[in-house]
Structure formats: structure tokens, C-alpha cells
N, C-alpha and C. Protein backbone atom coordinates (compact mmCIF):
# COMPACT_ATOMS: atom_id res chain seq x y z
N MET A 1 16.55 -7.63 -10.21
CA MET A 1 16.43 -6.74 -9.08
C MET A 1 15.62 -5.53 -9.43
N THR A 2 14.56 -5.29 -8.69
CA THR A 2 13.79 -4.09 -8.85
C THR A 2 13.84 -3.27 -7.51
N HIS A 3 14.31 -2.12 -7.53
CA HIS A 3 14.36 -1.26 -6.35
C HIS A 3 15.11 -1.94 -5.30
N GLY A 4 16.12 -2.75 -5.55
CA GLY A 4 16.77 -3.55 -4.50
C GLY A 4 16.14 -4.83 -4.09
N PHE A 5 15.06 -5.21 -4.72
CA PHE A 5 14.34 -6.47 -4.26
C PHE A 5 14.45 -7.53 -5.47
N ASP A 6 14.80 -8.70 -5.03
CA ASP A 6 14.87 -9.79 -5.95
C ASP A 6 13.38 -10.45 -6.14
N LEU A 7 12.71 -10.13 -7.28
CA LEU A 7 11.36 -10.51 -7.45
C LEU A 7 11.22 -12.02 -7.61
N SER A 8 12.35 -12.74 -7.84
CA SER A 8 12.33 -14.16 -8.02
C SER A 8 12.36 -14.90 -6.55
N HIS A 9 12.63 -14.14 -5.47
CA HIS A 9 12.67 -14.66 -4.15
C HIS A 9 11.40 -15.06 -3.72
N ALA A 10 11.19 -16.09 -3.02
CA ALA A 10 9.96 -16.64 -2.54
C ALA A 10 9.18 -15.70 -1.68
N LEU A 11 9.88 -14.86 -0.89
CA LEU A 11 9.21 -13.96 0.07
C LEU A 11 9.05 -12.57 -0.44
N VAL A 12 9.22 -12.41 -1.82
CA VAL A 12 8.96 -11.05 -2.42
C VAL A 12 7.90 -11.21 -3.53
N CYS A 13 6.96 -10.29 -3.62
CA CYS A 13 6.10 -10.32 -4.81
C CYS A 13 5.69 -8.77 -5.15
N GLU A 14 5.30 -8.56 -6.39
CA GLU A 14 5.08 -7.24 -6.90
C GLU A 14 3.59 -7.12 -7.16
N GLY A 15 2.93 -6.03 -6.69
CA GLY A 15 1.56 -5.80 -7.02
C GLY A 15 1.46 -5.25 -8.42
N ILE A 16 0.48 -5.85 -9.15
CA ILE A 16 0.35 -5.47 -10.51
C ILE A 16 -0.68 -4.27 -10.56
N VAL A 17 -0.24 -3.17 -11.32
CA VAL A 17 -1.10 -2.01 -11.45
C VAL A 17 -2.43 -2.46 -12.14
N GLY A 18 -3.59 -1.98 -11.59
CA GLY A 18 -4.83 -2.40 -12.06
C GLY A 18 -5.50 -3.73 -11.58
N ASP A 19 -4.72 -4.33 -10.67
CA ASP A 19 -5.12 -5.66 -10.19
C ASP A 19 -5.82 -5.62 -8.79
N GLY A 20 -6.31 -4.45 -8.50
CA GLY A 20 -7.02 -4.27 -7.20
C GLY A 20 -6.13 -3.42 -6.40
N CYS A 21 -5.92 -3.80 -5.02
CA CYS A 21 -5.13 -3.02 -4.14
C CYS A 21 -3.68 -3.16 -4.23
N GLY A 22 -2.94 -2.19 -3.94
CA GLY A 22 -1.44 -2.28 -3.83
C GLY A 22 -0.69 -2.39 -5.17
N GLY A 23 -1.31 -2.03 -6.34
CA GLY A 23 -0.68 -2.08 -7.52
C GLY A 23 0.65 -1.21 -7.59
N GLY A 24 1.68 -1.75 -8.09
CA GLY A 24 2.97 -1.06 -8.19
C GLY A 24 3.82 -1.13 -7.05
N ARG A 25 3.35 -1.70 -5.95
CA ARG A 25 4.13 -1.85 -4.70
C ARG A 25 4.77 -3.12 -4.67
N ILE A 26 5.80 -3.28 -3.87
CA ILE A 26 6.48 -4.43 -3.69
C ILE A 26 6.29 -4.93 -2.33
N PHE A 27 5.73 -6.21 -2.22
CA PHE A 27 5.48 -6.83 -0.92
C PHE A 27 6.58 -7.75 -0.56
N HIS A 28 6.99 -7.76 0.68
CA HIS A 28 8.11 -8.65 1.12
C HIS A 28 7.98 -9.05 2.55
N ILE A 29 8.51 -10.13 2.99
CA ILE A 29 8.58 -10.49 4.40
C ILE A 29 10.06 -10.43 4.82
N LYS A 30 10.20 -9.80 5.98
CA LYS A 30 11.54 -9.65 6.52
C LYS A 30 11.36 -9.70 8.08
N GLU A 31 12.15 -10.70 8.69
CA GLU A 31 12.13 -10.85 10.10
C GLU A 31 10.80 -11.09 10.66
N GLY A 32 9.96 -11.87 9.98
CA GLY A 32 8.63 -12.31 10.45
C GLY A 32 7.51 -11.21 10.27
N ALA A 33 7.80 -10.27 9.40
CA ALA A 33 6.76 -9.21 9.25
C ALA A 33 6.64 -8.86 7.72
N LEU A 34 5.40 -8.59 7.29
CA LEU A 34 5.03 -8.21 5.99
C LEU A 34 5.06 -6.77 5.77
N PHE A 35 5.88 -6.34 4.77
CA PHE A 35 6.02 -4.96 4.46
C PHE A 35 5.53 -4.68 3.03
N ALA A 36 5.06 -3.49 2.73
CA ALA A 36 4.73 -2.95 1.44
C ALA A 36 5.68 -1.76 1.18
N TYR A 37 6.46 -1.87 0.07
CA TYR A 37 7.35 -0.78 -0.37
C TYR A 37 6.73 -0.08 -1.51
N ASP A 38 6.77 1.19 -1.47
CA ASP A 38 6.29 2.05 -2.43
C ASP A 38 7.40 2.61 -3.16
N PRO A 39 7.64 2.24 -4.42
CA PRO A 39 8.74 2.82 -5.29
C PRO A 39 8.66 4.27 -5.52
N VAL A 40 7.51 4.86 -5.54
CA VAL A 40 7.48 6.31 -5.78
C VAL A 40 7.88 7.11 -4.62
N SER A 41 7.40 6.79 -3.50
CA SER A 41 7.83 7.53 -2.27
C SER A 41 9.09 6.92 -1.63
N GLN A 42 9.42 5.73 -2.06
CA GLN A 42 10.58 4.99 -1.54
C GLN A 42 10.46 4.70 0.00
N GLU A 43 9.23 4.45 0.41
CA GLU A 43 8.93 4.21 1.84
C GLU A 43 8.36 2.80 1.98
N SER A 44 8.59 2.15 3.07
CA SER A 44 8.02 0.87 3.41
C SER A 44 7.16 0.99 4.66
N ILE A 45 6.04 0.35 4.66
CA ILE A 45 5.19 0.23 5.79
C ILE A 45 4.98 -1.11 6.19
N LYS A 46 4.87 -1.39 7.47
CA LYS A 46 4.74 -2.73 8.01
C LYS A 46 3.15 -3.01 8.06
N LEU A 47 2.78 -4.06 7.43
CA LEU A 47 1.35 -4.47 7.26
C LEU A 47 0.83 -5.52 8.39
N LEU A 48 1.77 -6.41 8.69
CA LEU A 48 1.44 -7.52 9.53
C LEU A 48 2.71 -8.05 10.20
N GLU A 49 2.68 -8.47 11.52
CA GLU A 49 3.73 -8.99 12.22
C GLU A 49 3.50 -10.37 12.67
N ASN A 50 4.48 -10.98 13.38
CA ASN A 50 4.41 -12.38 13.87
C ASN A 50 4.16 -13.43 12.95
N ILE A 51 4.73 -13.37 11.77
CA ILE A 51 4.62 -14.40 10.71
C ILE A 51 5.67 -15.36 11.05
N GLU A 52 5.20 -16.68 11.35
CA GLU A 52 6.15 -17.65 11.74
C GLU A 52 6.48 -18.68 10.61
N HIS A 53 7.66 -18.87 10.35
CA HIS A 53 8.27 -19.80 9.41
C HIS A 53 7.59 -19.59 7.85
N PRO A 54 7.74 -18.30 7.44
CA PRO A 54 7.11 -18.15 6.02
C PRO A 54 7.92 -18.94 5.00
N LEU A 55 7.26 -19.47 4.04
CA LEU A 55 7.87 -20.18 2.93
C LEU A 55 7.66 -19.48 1.57
N GLY A 56 6.44 -18.84 1.45
CA GLY A 56 6.20 -18.26 0.07
C GLY A 56 5.18 -17.06 0.23
N LEU A 57 5.17 -16.14 -0.66
CA LEU A 57 4.28 -14.96 -0.71
C LEU A 57 3.79 -14.82 -2.10
N ARG A 58 2.48 -14.55 -2.19
CA ARG A 58 1.91 -14.16 -3.59
C ARG A 58 0.76 -13.20 -3.38
N LYS A 59 0.33 -12.49 -4.36
CA LYS A 59 -0.71 -11.58 -4.34
C LYS A 59 -1.57 -11.68 -5.55
N LYS A 60 -2.90 -11.69 -5.30
CA LYS A 60 -3.91 -11.59 -6.41
C LYS A 60 -4.94 -10.71 -5.90
N ALA A 61 -5.22 -9.64 -6.69
CA ALA A 61 -6.19 -8.56 -6.39
C ALA A 61 -5.87 -7.99 -5.04
N CYS A 62 -6.68 -7.95 -4.04
CA CYS A 62 -6.44 -7.34 -2.78
C CYS A 62 -6.01 -8.45 -1.65
N ILE A 63 -5.86 -9.64 -2.07
CA ILE A 63 -5.44 -10.66 -1.15
C ILE A 63 -4.04 -10.99 -1.24
N ILE A 64 -3.29 -10.96 -0.17
CA ILE A 64 -1.88 -11.38 -0.10
C ILE A 64 -1.87 -12.79 0.62
N THR A 65 -1.35 -13.79 -0.05
CA THR A 65 -1.31 -15.16 0.59
C THR A 65 0.03 -15.38 1.01
N ILE A 66 0.23 -15.84 2.23
CA ILE A 66 1.54 -16.20 2.87
C ILE A 66 1.52 -17.65 3.25
N GLU A 67 2.34 -18.48 2.53
CA GLU A 67 2.40 -19.89 2.94
C GLU A 67 3.38 -19.98 3.94
N CYS A 68 3.02 -20.65 5.08
CA CYS A 68 3.94 -21.02 6.29
C CYS A 68 4.09 -22.38 6.40
N GLU A 69 4.98 -22.89 7.27
CA GLU A 69 5.16 -24.34 7.49
C GLU A 69 3.95 -24.99 7.94
N ALA A 70 3.12 -24.44 8.83
CA ALA A 70 2.06 -25.07 9.51
C ALA A 70 0.66 -24.49 9.01
N HIS A 71 0.57 -23.54 8.31
CA HIS A 71 -0.56 -22.81 7.93
C HIS A 71 -0.50 -21.89 6.75
N THR A 72 -1.60 -21.30 6.36
CA THR A 72 -1.59 -20.28 5.33
C THR A 72 -2.28 -19.00 5.89
N LEU A 73 -1.70 -17.95 5.70
CA LEU A 73 -2.27 -16.66 6.05
C LEU A 73 -2.83 -15.97 4.85
N GLU A 74 -4.07 -15.37 4.90
CA GLU A 74 -4.43 -14.50 3.86
C GLU A 74 -4.65 -13.12 4.46
N PHE A 75 -4.10 -12.18 3.83
CA PHE A 75 -4.18 -10.77 4.35
C PHE A 75 -4.89 -9.95 3.39
N ASP A 76 -6.00 -9.36 3.68
CA ASP A 76 -6.86 -8.51 2.78
C ASP A 76 -6.37 -7.05 2.89
N LEU A 77 -5.85 -6.56 1.81
CA LEU A 77 -5.33 -5.22 1.82
C LEU A 77 -6.58 -4.10 1.94
N SER A 78 -7.77 -4.57 1.44
CA SER A 78 -8.86 -3.61 1.45
C SER A 78 -9.37 -3.39 2.88
N SER A 79 -9.35 -4.48 3.69
CA SER A 79 -9.89 -4.34 5.10
C SER A 79 -8.76 -4.49 6.10
N MET A 80 -7.54 -4.66 5.63
CA MET A 80 -6.42 -4.80 6.58
C MET A 80 -6.60 -5.85 7.67
N ARG A 81 -7.15 -6.96 7.23
CA ARG A 81 -7.46 -8.06 8.17
C ARG A 81 -6.83 -9.33 7.57
N GLN A 82 -6.48 -10.21 8.58
CA GLN A 82 -5.88 -11.48 8.21
C GLN A 82 -6.82 -12.66 8.47
N THR A 83 -6.65 -13.72 7.75
CA THR A 83 -7.42 -14.98 8.00
C THR A 83 -6.35 -16.07 8.05
N LEU A 84 -6.53 -16.87 9.06
CA LEU A 84 -5.62 -18.09 9.13
C LEU A 84 -6.25 -19.27 8.66
N LYS A 85 -5.71 -20.13 7.76
CA LYS A 85 -6.23 -21.28 7.28
C LYS A 85 -5.15 -22.41 7.59
N LYS A 86 -5.70 -23.34 8.40
CA LYS A 86 -4.70 -24.48 8.72
C LYS A 86 -4.77 -25.53 7.80
N PHE A 87 -3.65 -26.34 7.72
CA PHE A 87 -3.66 -27.48 6.80
C PHE A 87 -4.43 -28.67 7.34
């Protein structure tokens, strides 16, 4: 557990410092929304809503990838835009 988040949970991931955007923050999905938690300020901000049936969450550089039952969402932290990729 880090700051109350289970980093082994499929819907939680940690941004690596120096890996692009969001380093050191914890990203998580709760009730169909993507949040970024900043452990320094201890604040969470909502980044994206209406995520249906999320299965997994990962981050590489500025891209957060959300695997859902019927599609994959990519959220770019640098532009704050999402891309939908259907299976």
C-alpha cells in the first residue's frame, strides 16, 4: 500500500518520476472515472469520466492506457485528450 493505494490492483498505477508526464502521481479508476493523486499535496483531480467496464490501467510516458471490456482508451496527459481504440 502506497498512500492508501494498492499498487498491485489492476485499476491503480504509479507514474515514474522522469518518465514524462505525471511522475510520482498515482493514477486510479474509481466509479467510472480516472483520477490522479498527488502524494505531495495529497489532492486528487478527475481526469476522465464515463469509463465503462474498466479491466486494467497502465502508464508509459504521457500516455495512460485503460483496457475495458469492449475497447481500449488512451489518455494523453500532455494534451488531456483521449483516443478510443476498438477491438
